[in-house]
N, C-alpha and C. Protein backbone atom coordinates (compact mmCIF):
# COMPACT_ATOMS: atom_id res chain seq x y z
N MET A 1 7.42 21.80 -10.41
CA MET A 1 7.97 20.55 -9.92
C MET A 1 9.13 20.79 -8.96
N GLY A 2 9.73 21.94 -8.98
CA GLY A 2 10.86 22.18 -8.09
C GLY A 2 12.17 21.98 -8.80
N THR A 3 13.24 22.14 -8.07
CA THR A 3 14.58 22.00 -8.61
C THR A 3 14.89 20.54 -8.90
N PRO A 4 15.44 20.25 -10.09
CA PRO A 4 15.81 18.86 -10.38
C PRO A 4 16.86 18.35 -9.39
N LEU A 5 16.81 17.08 -9.15
CA LEU A 5 17.74 16.43 -8.23
C LEU A 5 18.78 15.65 -9.01
N GLN A 6 19.78 15.21 -8.29
CA GLN A 6 20.68 14.22 -8.85
C GLN A 6 20.00 12.86 -8.68
N LEU A 7 20.21 11.97 -9.63
CA LEU A 7 19.59 10.65 -9.60
C LEU A 7 19.88 9.94 -8.28
N GLU A 8 21.11 10.00 -7.82
CA GLU A 8 21.48 9.31 -6.58
C GLU A 8 20.68 9.82 -5.38
N GLU A 9 20.41 11.10 -5.31
CA GLU A 9 19.63 11.65 -4.20
C GLU A 9 18.21 11.09 -4.20
N LEU A 10 17.59 11.01 -5.38
CA LEU A 10 16.23 10.48 -5.47
C LEU A 10 16.22 8.98 -5.16
N GLN A 11 17.19 8.27 -5.65
CA GLN A 11 17.28 6.83 -5.35
C GLN A 11 17.45 6.61 -3.85
N ASN A 12 18.31 7.40 -3.22
CA ASN A 12 18.52 7.27 -1.77
C ASN A 12 17.26 7.63 -0.99
N ALA A 13 16.54 8.66 -1.44
CA ALA A 13 15.30 9.04 -0.77
C ALA A 13 14.28 7.90 -0.86
N PHE A 14 14.18 7.28 -2.02
CA PHE A 14 13.22 6.18 -2.17
C PHE A 14 13.67 4.96 -1.36
N ALA A 15 14.96 4.70 -1.31
CA ALA A 15 15.46 3.60 -0.48
C ALA A 15 15.10 3.84 0.99
N GLY A 16 15.23 5.09 1.44
CA GLY A 16 14.83 5.43 2.81
C GLY A 16 13.34 5.25 3.02
N PHE A 17 12.54 5.64 2.04
CA PHE A 17 11.09 5.46 2.11
C PHE A 17 10.76 3.98 2.23
N GLN A 18 11.37 3.15 1.39
CA GLN A 18 11.11 1.72 1.42
C GLN A 18 11.57 1.08 2.73
N GLN A 19 12.67 1.56 3.30
CA GLN A 19 13.14 1.05 4.59
C GLN A 19 12.11 1.35 5.68
N THR A 20 11.59 2.57 5.68
CA THR A 20 10.56 2.93 6.65
C THR A 20 9.30 2.10 6.43
N VAL A 21 8.91 1.92 5.18
CA VAL A 21 7.73 1.10 4.86
C VAL A 21 7.91 -0.32 5.40
N ALA A 22 9.08 -0.90 5.22
CA ALA A 22 9.35 -2.26 5.74
C ALA A 22 9.24 -2.29 7.26
N GLU A 23 9.78 -1.28 7.92
CA GLU A 23 9.70 -1.23 9.39
C GLU A 23 8.26 -1.04 9.85
N VAL A 24 7.49 -0.22 9.15
CA VAL A 24 6.09 0.01 9.50
C VAL A 24 5.27 -1.26 9.25
N ALA A 25 5.59 -2.00 8.21
CA ALA A 25 4.88 -3.26 7.95
C ALA A 25 5.02 -4.20 9.14
N ALA A 26 6.17 -4.17 9.80
CA ALA A 26 6.39 -5.02 10.97
C ALA A 26 5.78 -4.41 12.24
N SER A 27 5.93 -3.10 12.43
CA SER A 27 5.49 -2.45 13.67
C SER A 27 4.02 -2.05 13.64
N ARG A 28 3.48 -1.85 12.44
CA ARG A 28 2.11 -1.36 12.22
C ARG A 28 1.94 0.06 12.75
N ASP A 29 3.03 0.83 12.79
CA ASP A 29 3.02 2.22 13.25
C ASP A 29 2.75 3.13 12.05
N TRP A 30 1.48 3.30 11.72
CA TRP A 30 1.10 4.05 10.52
C TRP A 30 1.35 5.54 10.68
N ASP A 31 1.50 6.03 11.90
CA ASP A 31 1.90 7.43 12.08
C ASP A 31 3.27 7.66 11.46
N ARG A 32 4.15 6.73 11.68
CA ARG A 32 5.51 6.85 11.14
C ARG A 32 5.48 6.88 9.61
N TRP A 33 4.62 6.08 9.01
CA TRP A 33 4.49 6.08 7.55
C TRP A 33 4.00 7.45 7.08
N ALA A 34 2.95 7.97 7.71
CA ALA A 34 2.38 9.26 7.31
C ALA A 34 3.38 10.40 7.49
N ASP A 35 4.26 10.29 8.47
CA ASP A 35 5.24 11.34 8.74
C ASP A 35 6.27 11.49 7.62
N GLN A 36 6.26 10.62 6.64
CA GLN A 36 7.16 10.74 5.50
C GLN A 36 6.65 11.75 4.47
N PHE A 37 5.45 12.28 4.69
CA PHE A 37 4.84 13.22 3.74
C PHE A 37 4.89 14.64 4.30
N THR A 38 4.92 15.62 3.40
CA THR A 38 4.89 17.01 3.82
C THR A 38 3.52 17.32 4.42
N VAL A 39 3.45 18.39 5.21
CA VAL A 39 2.18 18.74 5.86
C VAL A 39 1.10 19.07 4.85
N ASP A 40 1.48 19.48 3.63
CA ASP A 40 0.50 19.83 2.60
C ASP A 40 0.48 18.82 1.45
N ALA A 41 0.92 17.61 1.70
CA ALA A 41 1.00 16.59 0.65
C ALA A 41 -0.37 16.31 0.03
N HIS A 42 -0.32 15.76 -1.17
CA HIS A 42 -1.53 15.41 -1.93
C HIS A 42 -1.43 13.92 -2.26
N TYR A 43 -2.44 13.15 -1.86
CA TYR A 43 -2.41 11.69 -2.03
C TYR A 43 -3.68 11.28 -2.79
N VAL A 44 -3.48 10.59 -3.91
CA VAL A 44 -4.60 10.10 -4.71
C VAL A 44 -4.62 8.58 -4.61
N GLU A 45 -5.72 8.06 -4.11
CA GLU A 45 -5.92 6.63 -3.96
C GLU A 45 -7.19 6.29 -4.72
N HIS A 46 -7.08 5.57 -5.82
CA HIS A 46 -8.17 5.44 -6.78
C HIS A 46 -9.44 4.81 -6.22
N ALA A 47 -9.35 3.97 -5.23
CA ALA A 47 -10.56 3.37 -4.66
C ALA A 47 -11.11 4.18 -3.49
N TYR A 48 -10.24 4.88 -2.75
CA TYR A 48 -10.67 5.57 -1.53
C TYR A 48 -10.81 7.08 -1.68
N GLY A 49 -10.20 7.65 -2.69
CA GLY A 49 -10.34 9.09 -2.89
C GLY A 49 -9.04 9.85 -2.82
N THR A 50 -9.15 11.16 -2.70
CA THR A 50 -8.00 12.06 -2.67
C THR A 50 -7.91 12.68 -1.28
N PHE A 51 -6.68 12.72 -0.77
CA PHE A 51 -6.44 13.24 0.57
C PHE A 51 -5.44 14.39 0.47
N THR A 52 -5.74 15.49 1.17
CA THR A 52 -4.88 16.65 1.15
C THR A 52 -4.35 16.89 2.55
N GLY A 53 -3.04 16.91 2.64
CA GLY A 53 -2.38 17.15 3.91
C GLY A 53 -2.03 15.86 4.64
N ARG A 54 -0.94 15.94 5.38
CA ARG A 54 -0.43 14.78 6.11
C ARG A 54 -1.48 14.20 7.06
N GLU A 55 -2.25 15.05 7.70
CA GLU A 55 -3.21 14.53 8.69
C GLU A 55 -4.37 13.78 8.03
N GLU A 56 -4.83 14.21 6.87
CA GLU A 56 -5.85 13.44 6.15
C GLU A 56 -5.26 12.11 5.68
N ILE A 57 -4.02 12.15 5.21
CA ILE A 57 -3.34 10.92 4.78
C ILE A 57 -3.20 9.98 5.98
N ARG A 58 -2.80 10.50 7.11
CA ARG A 58 -2.63 9.70 8.33
C ARG A 58 -3.95 9.02 8.73
N ALA A 59 -5.03 9.78 8.74
CA ALA A 59 -6.33 9.23 9.13
C ALA A 59 -6.75 8.11 8.18
N TRP A 60 -6.58 8.34 6.88
CA TRP A 60 -6.95 7.33 5.89
C TRP A 60 -6.09 6.07 6.02
N VAL A 61 -4.77 6.22 6.07
CA VAL A 61 -3.91 5.04 6.10
C VAL A 61 -4.10 4.25 7.38
N THR A 62 -4.29 4.94 8.50
CA THR A 62 -4.49 4.23 9.77
C THR A 62 -5.78 3.41 9.73
N LYS A 63 -6.86 4.00 9.26
CA LYS A 63 -8.13 3.28 9.17
C LYS A 63 -8.04 2.11 8.19
N THR A 64 -7.44 2.36 7.03
CA THR A 64 -7.37 1.34 5.98
C THR A 64 -6.46 0.18 6.37
N MET A 65 -5.33 0.48 6.95
CA MET A 65 -4.35 -0.57 7.20
C MET A 65 -4.54 -1.26 8.54
N THR A 66 -5.50 -0.79 9.34
CA THR A 66 -5.84 -1.52 10.56
C THR A 66 -7.17 -2.27 10.41
N SER A 67 -7.74 -2.22 9.21
CA SER A 67 -8.97 -2.95 8.88
C SER A 67 -8.64 -4.00 7.83
N PHE A 68 -9.40 -5.08 7.82
CA PHE A 68 -9.21 -6.11 6.81
C PHE A 68 -9.62 -5.58 5.44
N PRO A 69 -8.83 -5.85 4.38
CA PRO A 69 -7.69 -6.74 4.27
C PRO A 69 -6.33 -6.11 4.56
N GLY A 70 -6.27 -4.77 4.68
CA GLY A 70 -4.98 -4.12 4.93
C GLY A 70 -4.29 -4.64 6.18
N SER A 71 -5.07 -4.97 7.20
CA SER A 71 -4.51 -5.46 8.46
C SER A 71 -3.83 -6.82 8.31
N HIS A 72 -4.10 -7.51 7.22
CA HIS A 72 -3.52 -8.84 7.00
C HIS A 72 -2.39 -8.82 5.96
N MET A 73 -2.05 -7.63 5.46
CA MET A 73 -0.93 -7.52 4.52
C MET A 73 0.36 -7.46 5.32
N THR A 74 1.38 -8.14 4.81
CA THR A 74 2.61 -8.30 5.58
C THR A 74 3.77 -7.42 5.13
N GLY A 75 3.64 -6.76 4.01
CA GLY A 75 4.72 -5.94 3.50
C GLY A 75 4.28 -5.20 2.27
N TYR A 76 5.12 -4.30 1.83
CA TYR A 76 4.81 -3.45 0.67
C TYR A 76 6.09 -3.17 -0.11
N PRO A 77 6.80 -4.24 -0.51
CA PRO A 77 8.08 -4.03 -1.19
C PRO A 77 7.89 -3.57 -2.63
N ALA A 78 8.82 -2.74 -3.08
CA ALA A 78 8.85 -2.35 -4.49
C ALA A 78 9.47 -3.49 -5.29
N LEU A 79 8.77 -3.95 -6.31
CA LEU A 79 9.30 -5.00 -7.18
C LEU A 79 10.25 -4.42 -8.22
N TRP A 80 10.01 -3.18 -8.59
CA TRP A 80 10.90 -2.42 -9.48
C TRP A 80 10.55 -0.95 -9.31
N GLN A 81 11.45 -0.08 -9.71
CA GLN A 81 11.19 1.35 -9.67
C GLN A 81 11.96 2.07 -10.76
N VAL A 82 11.42 3.19 -11.16
CA VAL A 82 12.06 4.10 -12.10
C VAL A 82 12.13 5.46 -11.42
N CYS A 83 13.32 6.03 -11.39
CA CYS A 83 13.51 7.34 -10.76
C CYS A 83 13.77 8.38 -11.83
N ASP A 84 13.03 9.48 -11.78
CA ASP A 84 13.18 10.58 -12.74
C ASP A 84 13.49 11.86 -11.97
N PRO A 85 14.77 12.17 -11.81
CA PRO A 85 15.13 13.34 -11.02
C PRO A 85 14.62 14.65 -11.59
N ALA A 86 14.43 14.74 -12.91
CA ALA A 86 13.95 15.99 -13.51
C ALA A 86 12.56 16.35 -13.01
N THR A 87 11.71 15.34 -12.75
CA THR A 87 10.35 15.60 -12.25
C THR A 87 10.23 15.30 -10.76
N ARG A 88 11.32 14.82 -10.15
CA ARG A 88 11.37 14.46 -8.73
C ARG A 88 10.44 13.28 -8.42
N ARG A 89 10.22 12.42 -9.40
CA ARG A 89 9.26 11.33 -9.23
C ARG A 89 9.92 9.96 -9.24
N VAL A 90 9.28 9.07 -8.48
CA VAL A 90 9.62 7.66 -8.49
C VAL A 90 8.33 6.93 -8.85
N ILE A 91 8.43 6.04 -9.82
CA ILE A 91 7.30 5.19 -10.21
C ILE A 91 7.73 3.77 -9.87
N ALA A 92 6.89 3.07 -9.09
CA ALA A 92 7.27 1.74 -8.61
C ALA A 92 6.07 0.81 -8.62
N GLU A 93 6.35 -0.47 -8.87
CA GLU A 93 5.34 -1.50 -8.69
C GLU A 93 5.49 -2.03 -7.27
N ILE A 94 4.42 -1.92 -6.49
CA ILE A 94 4.44 -2.29 -5.08
C ILE A 94 3.65 -3.58 -4.88
N ASP A 95 4.27 -4.55 -4.23
CA ASP A 95 3.61 -5.82 -3.91
C ASP A 95 2.88 -5.68 -2.58
N ASN A 96 1.76 -6.37 -2.44
CA ASN A 96 0.94 -6.31 -1.23
C ASN A 96 0.58 -7.73 -0.79
N PRO A 97 1.54 -8.51 -0.32
CA PRO A 97 1.24 -9.90 0.07
C PRO A 97 0.44 -9.98 1.38
N MET A 98 -0.41 -11.00 1.43
CA MET A 98 -1.20 -11.29 2.62
C MET A 98 -0.45 -12.27 3.50
N ARG A 99 -0.83 -12.34 4.78
CA ARG A 99 -0.22 -13.32 5.68
C ARG A 99 -0.55 -14.74 5.20
N ASP A 100 0.23 -15.68 5.63
CA ASP A 100 0.05 -17.09 5.29
C ASP A 100 -1.31 -17.55 5.78
N PRO A 101 -2.15 -18.09 4.87
CA PRO A 101 -3.47 -18.55 5.30
C PRO A 101 -3.43 -19.88 6.04
N GLY A 102 -2.26 -20.51 6.10
CA GLY A 102 -2.15 -21.75 6.85
C GLY A 102 -1.44 -22.87 6.13
N ASP A 103 -1.18 -22.68 4.86
CA ASP A 103 -0.53 -23.75 4.09
C ASP A 103 0.76 -23.29 3.40
N GLY A 104 1.21 -22.09 3.72
CA GLY A 104 2.43 -21.57 3.11
C GLY A 104 2.23 -20.93 1.76
N SER A 105 1.00 -20.87 1.27
CA SER A 105 0.75 -20.27 -0.05
C SER A 105 0.83 -18.75 0.03
N VAL A 106 1.05 -18.14 -1.11
CA VAL A 106 1.21 -16.70 -1.19
C VAL A 106 0.05 -16.11 -1.98
N PHE A 107 -0.61 -15.13 -1.38
CA PHE A 107 -1.67 -14.38 -2.03
C PHE A 107 -1.24 -12.93 -2.03
N SER A 108 -1.25 -12.31 -3.21
CA SER A 108 -0.75 -10.95 -3.33
C SER A 108 -1.37 -10.27 -4.53
N ALA A 109 -1.37 -8.96 -4.51
CA ALA A 109 -1.75 -8.13 -5.65
C ALA A 109 -0.81 -6.93 -5.65
N THR A 110 -0.64 -6.33 -6.81
CA THR A 110 0.28 -5.21 -6.92
C THR A 110 -0.43 -3.93 -7.34
N ASN A 111 0.24 -2.83 -7.07
CA ASN A 111 -0.22 -1.53 -7.55
C ASN A 111 0.99 -0.76 -8.08
N ILE A 112 0.71 0.26 -8.85
CA ILE A 112 1.74 1.19 -9.28
C ILE A 112 1.61 2.43 -8.41
N SER A 113 2.71 2.84 -7.79
CA SER A 113 2.73 4.06 -6.99
C SER A 113 3.61 5.09 -7.68
N ILE A 114 3.12 6.30 -7.75
CA ILE A 114 3.87 7.42 -8.30
C ILE A 114 4.09 8.39 -7.15
N LEU A 115 5.33 8.53 -6.73
CA LEU A 115 5.67 9.40 -5.61
C LEU A 115 6.42 10.62 -6.12
N THR A 116 6.14 11.77 -5.53
CA THR A 116 6.83 13.01 -5.88
C THR A 116 7.60 13.48 -4.65
N TYR A 117 8.90 13.65 -4.84
CA TYR A 117 9.80 13.97 -3.73
C TYR A 117 9.85 15.47 -3.48
N ALA A 118 9.75 15.86 -2.22
CA ALA A 118 9.82 17.27 -1.83
C ALA A 118 11.22 17.68 -1.40
N GLY A 119 12.00 16.71 -0.95
CA GLY A 119 13.33 17.01 -0.41
C GLY A 119 13.36 16.75 1.08
N ASP A 120 14.56 16.69 1.61
CA ASP A 120 14.76 16.49 3.05
C ASP A 120 14.05 15.25 3.58
N GLY A 121 13.97 14.19 2.76
CA GLY A 121 13.37 12.93 3.20
C GLY A 121 11.85 12.92 3.21
N LEU A 122 11.21 13.96 2.66
CA LEU A 122 9.75 14.04 2.66
C LEU A 122 9.20 13.96 1.24
N TRP A 123 7.97 13.46 1.15
CA TRP A 123 7.28 13.30 -0.13
C TRP A 123 6.11 14.25 -0.18
N ARG A 124 5.94 14.94 -1.31
CA ARG A 124 4.85 15.91 -1.45
C ARG A 124 3.61 15.29 -2.05
N GLY A 125 3.74 14.07 -2.58
CA GLY A 125 2.57 13.44 -3.16
C GLY A 125 2.79 11.99 -3.49
N GLU A 126 1.66 11.29 -3.57
CA GLU A 126 1.66 9.90 -4.03
C GLU A 126 0.33 9.64 -4.71
N GLU A 127 0.40 8.82 -5.74
CA GLU A 127 -0.81 8.32 -6.40
C GLU A 127 -0.64 6.81 -6.54
N ASP A 128 -1.65 6.08 -6.10
CA ASP A 128 -1.64 4.62 -6.21
C ASP A 128 -2.63 4.22 -7.29
N VAL A 129 -2.15 3.47 -8.27
CA VAL A 129 -2.96 3.07 -9.40
C VAL A 129 -3.05 1.54 -9.40
N TYR A 130 -4.26 1.03 -9.42
CA TYR A 130 -4.45 -0.42 -9.41
C TYR A 130 -5.88 -0.76 -9.79
N ASN A 131 -6.12 -2.04 -9.95
CA ASN A 131 -7.46 -2.52 -10.26
C ASN A 131 -8.07 -3.07 -8.97
N PRO A 132 -9.05 -2.39 -8.37
CA PRO A 132 -9.65 -2.88 -7.13
C PRO A 132 -10.26 -4.28 -7.27
N MET A 133 -10.72 -4.64 -8.46
CA MET A 133 -11.27 -5.99 -8.65
C MET A 133 -10.19 -7.05 -8.46
N GLU A 134 -8.97 -6.77 -8.91
CA GLU A 134 -7.88 -7.74 -8.71
C GLU A 134 -7.59 -7.92 -7.23
N PHE A 135 -7.56 -6.83 -6.48
CA PHE A 135 -7.35 -6.93 -5.04
C PHE A 135 -8.50 -7.69 -4.39
N GLY A 136 -9.72 -7.41 -4.82
CA GLY A 136 -10.88 -8.11 -4.26
C GLY A 136 -10.87 -9.59 -4.56
N ARG A 137 -10.53 -9.96 -5.77
CA ARG A 137 -10.45 -11.39 -6.13
C ARG A 137 -9.36 -12.09 -5.34
N MET A 138 -8.21 -11.43 -5.18
CA MET A 138 -7.13 -12.01 -4.39
C MET A 138 -7.57 -12.18 -2.94
N THR A 139 -8.24 -11.18 -2.39
CA THR A 139 -8.70 -11.23 -1.01
C THR A 139 -9.73 -12.34 -0.83
N TYR A 140 -10.63 -12.47 -1.77
CA TYR A 140 -11.64 -13.53 -1.73
C TYR A 140 -10.95 -14.91 -1.71
N ALA A 141 -9.99 -15.10 -2.61
CA ALA A 141 -9.27 -16.38 -2.68
C ALA A 141 -8.52 -16.65 -1.38
N TRP A 142 -7.90 -15.60 -0.80
CA TRP A 142 -7.21 -15.76 0.48
C TRP A 142 -8.19 -16.20 1.56
N CYS A 143 -9.35 -15.56 1.61
CA CYS A 143 -10.37 -15.91 2.61
C CYS A 143 -10.81 -17.36 2.46
N GLN A 144 -11.02 -17.80 1.24
CA GLN A 144 -11.43 -19.18 1.01
C GLN A 144 -10.37 -20.15 1.53
N ARG A 145 -9.10 -19.85 1.24
CA ARG A 145 -8.01 -20.71 1.69
C ARG A 145 -7.90 -20.68 3.20
N ALA A 146 -7.99 -19.50 3.81
CA ALA A 146 -7.91 -19.39 5.27
C ALA A 146 -9.06 -20.16 5.92
N ARG A 147 -10.24 -20.09 5.34
CA ARG A 147 -11.38 -20.84 5.90
C ARG A 147 -11.08 -22.34 5.84
N GLU A 148 -10.52 -22.78 4.72
CA GLU A 148 -10.18 -24.19 4.55
C GLU A 148 -9.19 -24.67 5.61
N TYR A 149 -8.27 -23.79 6.01
CA TYR A 149 -7.23 -24.16 6.99
C TYR A 149 -7.55 -23.71 8.41
N GLY A 150 -8.75 -23.18 8.62
CA GLY A 150 -9.17 -22.80 9.97
C GLY A 150 -8.52 -21.54 10.50
N THR A 151 -8.01 -20.68 9.61
CA THR A 151 -7.34 -19.47 10.06
C THR A 151 -8.10 -18.20 9.67
N LEU A 152 -9.33 -18.36 9.22
CA LEU A 152 -10.16 -17.20 8.86
C LEU A 152 -10.65 -16.55 10.14
N ASP A 153 -10.08 -15.40 10.47
CA ASP A 153 -10.48 -14.71 11.70
C ASP A 153 -11.75 -13.90 11.47
N GLU A 154 -12.25 -13.30 12.54
CA GLU A 154 -13.54 -12.60 12.49
C GLU A 154 -13.56 -11.43 11.50
N PRO A 155 -12.53 -10.55 11.46
CA PRO A 155 -12.58 -9.46 10.48
C PRO A 155 -12.61 -9.96 9.03
N ALA A 156 -11.84 -11.01 8.75
CA ALA A 156 -11.84 -11.56 7.39
C ALA A 156 -13.17 -12.23 7.08
N ALA A 157 -13.74 -12.94 8.04
CA ALA A 157 -15.04 -13.58 7.83
C ALA A 157 -16.11 -12.54 7.59
N ARG A 158 -16.06 -11.43 8.31
CA ARG A 158 -17.02 -10.35 8.13
C ARG A 158 -16.89 -9.74 6.73
N TRP A 159 -15.64 -9.53 6.27
CA TRP A 159 -15.40 -9.02 4.91
C TRP A 159 -15.97 -9.99 3.89
N LEU A 160 -15.70 -11.28 4.08
CA LEU A 160 -16.16 -12.30 3.15
C LEU A 160 -17.68 -12.31 3.07
N GLU A 161 -18.33 -12.21 4.22
CA GLU A 161 -19.79 -12.21 4.26
C GLU A 161 -20.37 -10.94 3.63
N THR A 162 -19.71 -9.81 3.85
CA THR A 162 -20.23 -8.52 3.39
C THR A 162 -19.91 -8.25 1.92
N TYR A 163 -18.66 -8.53 1.51
CA TYR A 163 -18.21 -8.15 0.17
C TYR A 163 -17.83 -9.32 -0.73
N GLY A 164 -17.65 -10.47 -0.14
CA GLY A 164 -17.09 -11.60 -0.87
C GLY A 164 -17.82 -11.97 -2.16
N ALA A 165 -19.14 -11.94 -2.14
CA ALA A 165 -19.89 -12.35 -3.33
C ALA A 165 -19.52 -11.53 -4.56
N ALA A 166 -19.16 -10.27 -4.37
CA ALA A 166 -18.80 -9.41 -5.51
C ALA A 166 -17.50 -9.87 -6.18
N PHE A 167 -16.70 -10.65 -5.46
CA PHE A 167 -15.38 -11.05 -5.99
C PHE A 167 -15.27 -12.55 -6.23
N ALA A 168 -16.35 -13.28 -5.98
CA ALA A 168 -16.34 -14.74 -6.17
C ALA A 168 -16.18 -15.04 -7.66
N PRO A 169 -15.49 -16.14 -7.98
CA PRO A 169 -15.36 -16.55 -9.39
C PRO A 169 -16.74 -16.77 -10.01
N ARG A 170 -16.85 -16.39 -11.25
CA ARG A 170 -18.10 -16.58 -11.98
C ARG A 170 -18.03 -17.87 -12.78
N PRO A 171 -19.17 -18.59 -12.82
CA PRO A 171 -19.16 -19.86 -13.60
C PRO A 171 -19.01 -19.62 -15.09
């Protein structure tokens, strides 16, 4: 795991990570997000797979977050976090809100992220844990609301047509 850190150092590193995440959510510069990881980082994403190295992480995040529904998420704030300097890990619940579908309502789903800090502002690993069905149901509901308000764009409509039935409410 490496040398234990002081709690304040790990908290500051995670605050810096979250600041960059907030800026990337606005700029959509996913290269900048990927640059927070070491060149040999290990990323486990339960629905998409495991990625080794910054460049695999970069390719995955760019594709995922520029495609619907990732392209319609507006931020990724931590709702809470626990920092463990002995293991160099931060465990956080991350919110993933969607853009306003037209009526001011909020559609969101959360995941648990486990990040391992390498030092010098870089992360050696992340694992995202969540229920893909919850994300799918939230996305389906968002699409239905956007359609109702005339804001369902072509990528969202294509997702709804292709995958929506799997997430529709059951009678």
